[in-house]
Amino acid sequence: AAGKPMKGIVLLFVATISVSALLGEIVGRFYSEPMNRWLREKWGDGPEKIGSVVDSPTADLSAESTPA
């Protein structure tokens, strides 16, 4: 490695991060988010309600309690 320029490593690092960010944006926009919407429609959980498919007992208690 003696005598080889280190600038190539920096450029490779920046290019790798840039390509990763671009691919992440593409996957998120065109796969993950449409799949998220489809699953929420299938399970009857629309965008107005965010949560687990399985209801927890504490969620039921907080909905029933009223402030004094």
PDB file of N, CA and C in Angstrom:
ATOM      1  N   ALA A   1       0.806  -1.190   0.000  1.00  0.00           N
ATOM      2  CA  ALA A   1       0.000   0.000   0.000  1.00  0.00           C
ATOM      3  C   ALA A   1       0.850   1.254   0.000  1.00  0.00           C
ATOM      4  N   ALA A   2       2.154   1.096   0.065  1.00  0.00           N
ATOM      5  CA  ALA A   2       3.033   2.263   0.109  1.00  0.00           C
ATOM      6  C   ALA A   2       3.018   2.980  -1.236  1.00  0.00           C
ATOM      7  N   GLY A   3       2.857   4.300  -1.178  1.00  0.00           N
ATOM      8  CA  GLY A   3       2.887   5.108  -2.382  1.00  0.00           C
ATOM      9  C   GLY A   3       1.558   5.216  -3.105  1.00  0.00           C
ATOM     10  N   LYS A   4       0.541   4.539  -2.639  1.00  0.00           N
ATOM     11  CA  LYS A   4      -0.766   4.636  -3.297  1.00  0.00           C
ATOM     12  C   LYS A   4      -1.551   5.809  -2.706  1.00  0.00           C
ATOM     13  N   PRO A   5      -2.268   6.538  -3.564  1.00  0.00           N
ATOM     14  CA  PRO A   5      -3.006   7.705  -3.058  1.00  0.00           C
ATOM     15  C   PRO A   5      -4.182   7.290  -2.164  1.00  0.00           C
ATOM     16  N   MET A   6      -4.362   8.002  -1.067  1.00  0.00           N
ATOM     17  CA  MET A   6      -5.462   7.735  -0.138  1.00  0.00           C
ATOM     18  C   MET A   6      -6.753   8.414  -0.576  1.00  0.00           C
ATOM     19  N   LYS A   7      -6.688   9.318  -1.547  1.00  0.00           N
ATOM     20  CA  LYS A   7      -7.890   9.997  -2.026  1.00  0.00           C
ATOM     21  C   LYS A   7      -8.888   9.003  -2.601  1.00  0.00           C
ATOM     22  N   GLY A   8      -8.402   7.930  -3.169  1.00  0.00           N
ATOM     23  CA  GLY A   8      -9.286   6.918  -3.742  1.00  0.00           C
ATOM     24  C   GLY A   8     -10.180   6.290  -2.688  1.00  0.00           C
ATOM     25  N   ILE A   9      -9.664   6.113  -1.492  1.00  0.00           N
ATOM     26  CA  ILE A   9     -10.447   5.526  -0.404  1.00  0.00           C
ATOM     27  C   ILE A   9     -11.576   6.460   0.003  1.00  0.00           C
ATOM     28  N   VAL A  10     -11.291   7.742   0.112  1.00  0.00           N
ATOM     29  CA  VAL A  10     -12.304   8.726   0.487  1.00  0.00           C
ATOM     30  C   VAL A  10     -13.403   8.781  -0.585  1.00  0.00           C
ATOM     31  N   LEU A  11     -13.018   8.805  -1.845  1.00  0.00           N
ATOM     32  CA  LEU A  11     -14.004   8.834  -2.928  1.00  0.00           C
ATOM     33  C   LEU A  11     -14.853   7.561  -2.936  1.00  0.00           C
ATOM     34  N   LEU A  12     -14.232   6.416  -2.702  1.00  0.00           N
ATOM     35  CA  LEU A  12     -14.975   5.164  -2.646  1.00  0.00           C
ATOM     36  C   LEU A  12     -15.960   5.165  -1.478  1.00  0.00           C
ATOM     37  N   PHE A  13     -15.546   5.697  -0.335  1.00  0.00           N
ATOM     38  CA  PHE A  13     -16.420   5.780   0.836  1.00  0.00           C
ATOM     39  C   PHE A  13     -17.623   6.680   0.546  1.00  0.00           C
ATOM     40  N   VAL A  14     -17.401   7.841  -0.019  1.00  0.00           N
ATOM     41  CA  VAL A  14     -18.480   8.781  -0.333  1.00  0.00           C
ATOM     42  C   VAL A  14     -19.421   8.174  -1.377  1.00  0.00           C
ATOM     43  N   ALA A  15     -18.867   7.508  -2.374  1.00  0.00           N
ATOM     44  CA  ALA A  15     -19.699   6.878  -3.406  1.00  0.00           C
ATOM     45  C   ALA A  15     -20.550   5.756  -2.808  1.00  0.00           C
ATOM     46  N   THR A  16     -19.973   4.966  -1.904  1.00  0.00           N
ATOM     47  CA  THR A  16     -20.716   3.870  -1.279  1.00  0.00           C
ATOM     48  C   THR A  16     -21.869   4.403  -0.441  1.00  0.00           C
ATOM     49  N   ILE A  17     -21.624   5.441   0.346  1.00  0.00           N
ATOM     50  CA  ILE A  17     -22.679   6.032   1.169  1.00  0.00           C
ATOM     51  C   ILE A  17     -23.767   6.646   0.288  1.00  0.00           C
ATOM     52  N   SER A  18     -23.385   7.303  -0.782  1.00  0.00           N
ATOM     53  CA  SER A  18     -24.361   7.929  -1.687  1.00  0.00           C
ATOM     54  C   SER A  18     -25.242   6.888  -2.374  1.00  0.00           C
ATOM     55  N   VAL A  19     -24.625   5.835  -2.876  1.00  0.00           N
ATOM     56  CA  VAL A  19     -25.403   4.782  -3.543  1.00  0.00           C
ATOM     57  C   VAL A  19     -26.319   4.093  -2.536  1.00  0.00           C
ATOM     58  N   SER A  20     -25.837   3.858  -1.320  1.00  0.00           N
ATOM     59  CA  SER A  20     -26.667   3.232  -0.282  1.00  0.00           C
ATOM     60  C   SER A  20     -27.875   4.103   0.065  1.00  0.00           C
ATOM     61  N   ALA A  21     -27.657   5.397   0.183  1.00  0.00           N
ATOM     62  CA  ALA A  21     -28.758   6.314   0.484  1.00  0.00           C
ATOM     63  C   ALA A  21     -29.779   6.320  -0.653  1.00  0.00           C
ATOM     64  N   LEU A  22     -29.317   6.329  -1.870  1.00  0.00           N
ATOM     65  CA  LEU A  22     -30.217   6.317  -3.034  1.00  0.00           C
ATOM     66  C   LEU A  22     -31.028   5.018  -3.085  1.00  0.00           C
ATOM     67  N   LEU A  23     -30.359   3.889  -2.890  1.00  0.00           N
ATOM     68  CA  LEU A  23     -31.070   2.614  -2.902  1.00  0.00           C
ATOM     69  C   LEU A  23     -32.061   2.517  -1.741  1.00  0.00           C
ATOM     70  N   GLY A  24     -31.690   3.031  -0.578  1.00  0.00           N
ATOM     71  CA  GLY A  24     -32.600   3.036   0.561  1.00  0.00           C
ATOM     72  C   GLY A  24     -33.844   3.863   0.289  1.00  0.00           C
ATOM     73  N   GLU A  25     -33.670   5.003  -0.346  1.00  0.00           N
ATOM     74  CA  GLU A  25     -34.808   5.855  -0.719  1.00  0.00           C
ATOM     75  C   GLU A  25     -35.724   5.142  -1.713  1.00  0.00           C
ATOM     76  N   ILE A  26     -35.139   4.489  -2.696  1.00  0.00           N
ATOM     77  CA  ILE A  26     -35.930   3.777  -3.702  1.00  0.00           C
ATOM     78  C   ILE A  26     -36.719   2.632  -3.069  1.00  0.00           C
ATOM     79  N   VAL A  27     -36.063   1.836  -2.230  1.00  0.00           N
ATOM     80  CA  VAL A  27     -36.741   0.708  -1.585  1.00  0.00           C
ATOM     81  C   VAL A  27     -37.839   1.210  -0.658  1.00  0.00           C
ATOM     82  N   GLY A  28     -37.556   2.260   0.111  1.00  0.00           N
ATOM     83  CA  GLY A  28     -38.559   2.797   1.021  1.00  0.00           C
ATOM     84  C   GLY A  28     -39.766   3.357   0.296  1.00  0.00           C
ATOM     85  N   ARG A  29     -39.540   4.065  -0.764  1.00  0.00           N
ATOM     86  CA  ARG A  29     -40.624   4.732  -1.475  1.00  0.00           C
ATOM     87  C   ARG A  29     -41.473   3.776  -2.308  1.00  0.00           C
ATOM     88  N   PHE A  30     -40.828   2.835  -2.984  1.00  0.00           N
ATOM     89  CA  PHE A  30     -41.553   2.006  -3.943  1.00  0.00           C
ATOM     90  C   PHE A  30     -41.852   0.590  -3.453  1.00  0.00           C
ATOM     91  N   TYR A  31     -41.304   0.173  -2.312  1.00  0.00           N
ATOM     92  CA  TYR A  31     -41.600  -1.156  -1.781  1.00  0.00           C
ATOM     93  C   TYR A  31     -42.129  -1.105  -0.356  1.00  0.00           C
ATOM     94  N   SER A  32     -41.361  -0.544   0.557  1.00  0.00           N
ATOM     95  CA  SER A  32     -41.733  -0.602   1.975  1.00  0.00           C
ATOM     96  C   SER A  32     -43.022   0.153   2.278  1.00  0.00           C
ATOM     97  N   GLU A  33     -43.142   1.368   1.808  1.00  0.00           N
ATOM     98  CA  GLU A  33     -44.329   2.160   2.135  1.00  0.00           C
ATOM     99  C   GLU A  33     -45.588   1.619   1.459  1.00  0.00           C
ATOM    100  N   PRO A  34     -45.551   1.228   0.173  1.00  0.00           N
ATOM    101  CA  PRO A  34     -46.748   0.591  -0.405  1.00  0.00           C
ATOM    102  C   PRO A  34     -47.113  -0.717   0.307  1.00  0.00           C
ATOM    103  N   MET A  35     -46.101  -1.500   0.714  1.00  0.00           N
ATOM    104  CA  MET A  35     -46.380  -2.741   1.438  1.00  0.00           C
ATOM    105  C   MET A  35     -46.990  -2.430   2.800  1.00  0.00           C
ATOM    106  N   ASN A  36     -46.515  -1.393   3.465  1.00  0.00           N
ATOM    107  CA  ASN A  36     -47.057  -0.964   4.752  1.00  0.00           C
ATOM    108  C   ASN A  36     -48.532  -0.585   4.602  1.00  0.00           C
ATOM    109  N   ARG A  37     -48.858   0.209   3.587  1.00  0.00           N
ATOM    110  CA  ARG A  37     -50.254   0.597   3.349  1.00  0.00           C
ATOM    111  C   ARG A  37     -51.134  -0.614   3.052  1.00  0.00           C
ATOM    112  N   TRP A  38     -50.621  -1.530   2.219  1.00  0.00           N
ATOM    113  CA  TRP A  38     -51.391  -2.719   1.857  1.00  0.00           C
ATOM    114  C   TRP A  38     -51.669  -3.582   3.088  1.00  0.00           C
ATOM    115  N   LEU A  39     -50.646  -3.786   3.926  1.00  0.00           N
ATOM    116  CA  LEU A  39     -50.834  -4.591   5.134  1.00  0.00           C
ATOM    117  C   LEU A  39     -51.814  -3.938   6.098  1.00  0.00           C
ATOM    118  N   ARG A  40     -51.740  -2.621   6.254  1.00  0.00           N
ATOM    119  CA  ARG A  40     -52.668  -1.928   7.141  1.00  0.00           C
ATOM    120  C   ARG A  40     -54.104  -2.019   6.617  1.00  0.00           C
ATOM    121  N   GLU A  41     -54.292  -1.937   5.314  1.00  0.00           N
ATOM    122  CA  GLU A  41     -55.639  -2.105   4.745  1.00  0.00           C
ATOM    123  C   GLU A  41     -56.134  -3.534   4.958  1.00  0.00           C
ATOM    124  N   LYS A  42     -55.252  -4.501   4.765  1.00  0.00           N
ATOM    125  CA  LYS A  42     -55.632  -5.905   4.912  1.00  0.00           C
ATOM    126  C   LYS A  42     -56.036  -6.232   6.344  1.00  0.00           C
ATOM    127  N   TRP A  43     -55.327  -5.694   7.337  1.00  0.00           N
ATOM    128  CA  TRP A  43     -55.595  -5.985   8.743  1.00  0.00           C
ATOM    129  C   TRP A  43     -56.600  -5.010   9.346  1.00  0.00           C
ATOM    130  N   GLY A  44     -57.157  -4.121   8.545  1.00  0.00           N
ATOM    131  CA  GLY A  44     -58.165  -3.203   9.042  1.00  0.00           C
ATOM    132  C   GLY A  44     -57.603  -2.110   9.916  1.00  0.00           C
ATOM    133  N   ASP A  45     -56.363  -1.784   9.728  1.00  0.00           N
ATOM    134  CA  ASP A  45     -55.699  -0.764  10.534  1.00  0.00           C
ATOM    135  C   ASP A  45     -55.299   0.370   9.598  1.00  0.00           C
ATOM    136  N   GLY A  46     -56.139   1.382   9.507  1.00  0.00           N
ATOM    137  CA  GLY A  46     -55.890   2.480   8.588  1.00  0.00           C
ATOM    138  C   GLY A  46     -54.789   3.398   9.062  1.00  0.00           C
ATOM    139  N   PRO A  47     -54.450   4.395   8.262  1.00  0.00           N
ATOM    140  CA  PRO A  47     -53.369   5.311   8.619  1.00  0.00           C
ATOM    141  C   PRO A  47     -53.685   6.170   9.837  1.00  0.00           C
ATOM    142  N   GLU A  48     -54.973   6.311  10.191  1.00  0.00           N
ATOM    143  CA  GLU A  48     -55.316   7.119  11.358  1.00  0.00           C
ATOM    144  C   GLU A  48     -55.023   6.390  12.669  1.00  0.00           C
ATOM    145  N   LYS A  49     -54.855   5.071  12.615  1.00  0.00           N
ATOM    146  CA  LYS A  49     -54.571   4.289  13.821  1.00  0.00           C
ATOM    147  C   LYS A  49     -53.253   3.550  13.635  1.00  0.00           C
ATOM    148  N   ILE A  50     -52.269   3.891  14.432  1.00  0.00           N
ATOM    149  CA  ILE A  50     -50.972   3.237  14.342  1.00  0.00           C
ATOM    150  C   ILE A  50     -50.803   2.368  15.577  1.00  0.00           C
ATOM    151  N   GLY A  51     -50.450   1.118  15.387  1.00  0.00           N
ATOM    152  CA  GLY A  51     -50.249   0.230  16.518  1.00  0.00           C
ATOM    153  C   GLY A  51     -50.024  -1.187  16.078  1.00  0.00           C
ATOM    154  N   SER A  52     -50.017  -2.074  17.026  1.00  0.00           N
ATOM    155  CA  SER A  52     -49.786  -3.478  16.764  1.00  0.00           C
ATOM    156  C   SER A  52     -51.073  -4.150  16.315  1.00  0.00           C
ATOM    157  N   VAL A  53     -50.922  -5.278  15.631  1.00  0.00           N
ATOM    158  CA  VAL A  53     -52.074  -6.075  15.235  1.00  0.00           C
ATOM    159  C   VAL A  53     -52.721  -6.692  16.467  1.00  0.00           C
ATOM    160  N   VAL A  54     -51.898  -7.016  17.466  1.00  0.00           N
ATOM    161  CA  VAL A  54     -52.383  -7.620  18.706  1.00  0.00           C
ATOM    162  C   VAL A  54     -52.619  -6.512  19.726  1.00  0.00           C
ATOM    163  N   ASP A  55     -53.835  -6.414  20.245  1.00  0.00           N
ATOM    164  CA  ASP A  55     -54.141  -5.403  21.253  1.00  0.00           C
ATOM    165  C   ASP A  55     -53.564  -5.823  22.597  1.00  0.00           C
ATOM    166  N   SER A  56     -53.011  -4.846  23.301  1.00  0.00           N
ATOM    167  CA  SER A  56     -52.478  -5.135  24.627  1.00  0.00           C
ATOM    168  C   SER A  56     -53.531  -4.791  25.674  1.00  0.00           C
ATOM    169  N   PRO A  57     -53.499  -5.463  26.833  1.00  0.00           N
ATOM    170  CA  PRO A  57     -54.487  -5.175  27.878  1.00  0.00           C
ATOM    171  C   PRO A  57     -54.397  -3.742  28.392  1.00  0.00           C
ATOM    172  N   THR A  58     -53.206  -3.149  28.401  1.00  0.00           N
ATOM    173  CA  THR A  58     -53.068  -1.779  28.901  1.00  0.00           C
ATOM    174  C   THR A  58     -53.717  -0.780  27.950  1.00  0.00           C
ATOM    175  N   ALA A  59     -53.740  -1.082  26.661  1.00  0.00           N
ATOM    176  CA  ALA A  59     -54.382  -0.170  25.706  1.00  0.00           C
ATOM    177  C   ALA A  59     -55.882  -0.114  25.961  1.00  0.00           C
ATOM    178  N   ASP A  60     -56.489  -1.245  26.327  1.00  0.00           N
ATOM    179  CA  ASP A  60     -57.921  -1.271  26.608  1.00  0.00           C
ATOM    180  C   ASP A  60     -58.237  -0.487  27.873  1.00  0.00           C
ATOM    181  N   LEU A  61     -57.374  -0.571  28.884  1.00  0.00           N
ATOM    182  CA  LEU A  61     -57.620   0.143  30.151  1.00  0.00           C
ATOM    183  C   LEU A  61     -57.513   1.647  29.969  1.00  0.00           C
ATOM    184  N   SER A  62     -56.529   2.095  29.164  1.00  0.00           N
ATOM    185  CA  SER A  62     -56.364   3.534  28.993  1.00  0.00           C
ATOM    186  C   SER A  62     -57.523   4.129  28.209  1.00  0.00           C
ATOM    187  N   ALA A  63     -58.135   3.357  27.334  1.00  0.00           N
ATOM    188  CA  ALA A  63     -59.271   3.861  26.554  1.00  0.00           C
ATOM    189  C   ALA A  63     -60.524   3.990  27.411  1.00  0.00           C
ATOM    190  N   GLU A  64     -60.658   3.152  28.443  1.00  0.00           N
ATOM    191  CA  GLU A  64     -61.854   3.162  29.279  1.00  0.00           C
ATOM    192  C   GLU A  64     -61.786   4.198  30.399  1.00  0.00           C
ATOM    193  N   SER A  65     -60.583   4.588  30.792  1.00  0.00           N
ATOM    194  CA  SER A  65     -60.467   5.519  31.916  1.00  0.00           C
ATOM    195  C   SER A  65     -60.828   6.922  31.476  1.00  0.00           C
ATOM    196  N   THR A  66     -61.484   7.661  32.373  1.00  0.00           N
ATOM    197  CA  THR A  66     -61.863   9.040  32.099  1.00  0.00           C
ATOM    198  C   THR A  66     -61.187   9.942  33.121  1.00  0.00           C
ATOM    199  N   PRO A  67     -60.751  11.122  32.711  1.00  0.00           N
ATOM    200  CA  PRO A  67     -60.106  12.030  33.662  1.00  0.00           C
ATOM    201  C   PRO A  67     -61.112  12.564  34.677  1.00  0.00           C
ATOM    202  N   ALA A  68     -60.650  12.779  35.917  1.00  0.00           N
ATOM    203  CA  ALA A  68     -61.545  13.245  36.993  1.00  0.00           C
ATOM    204  C   ALA A  68     -61.756  14.732  36.971  1.00  0.00           C
TER     205      ALA A  68
END
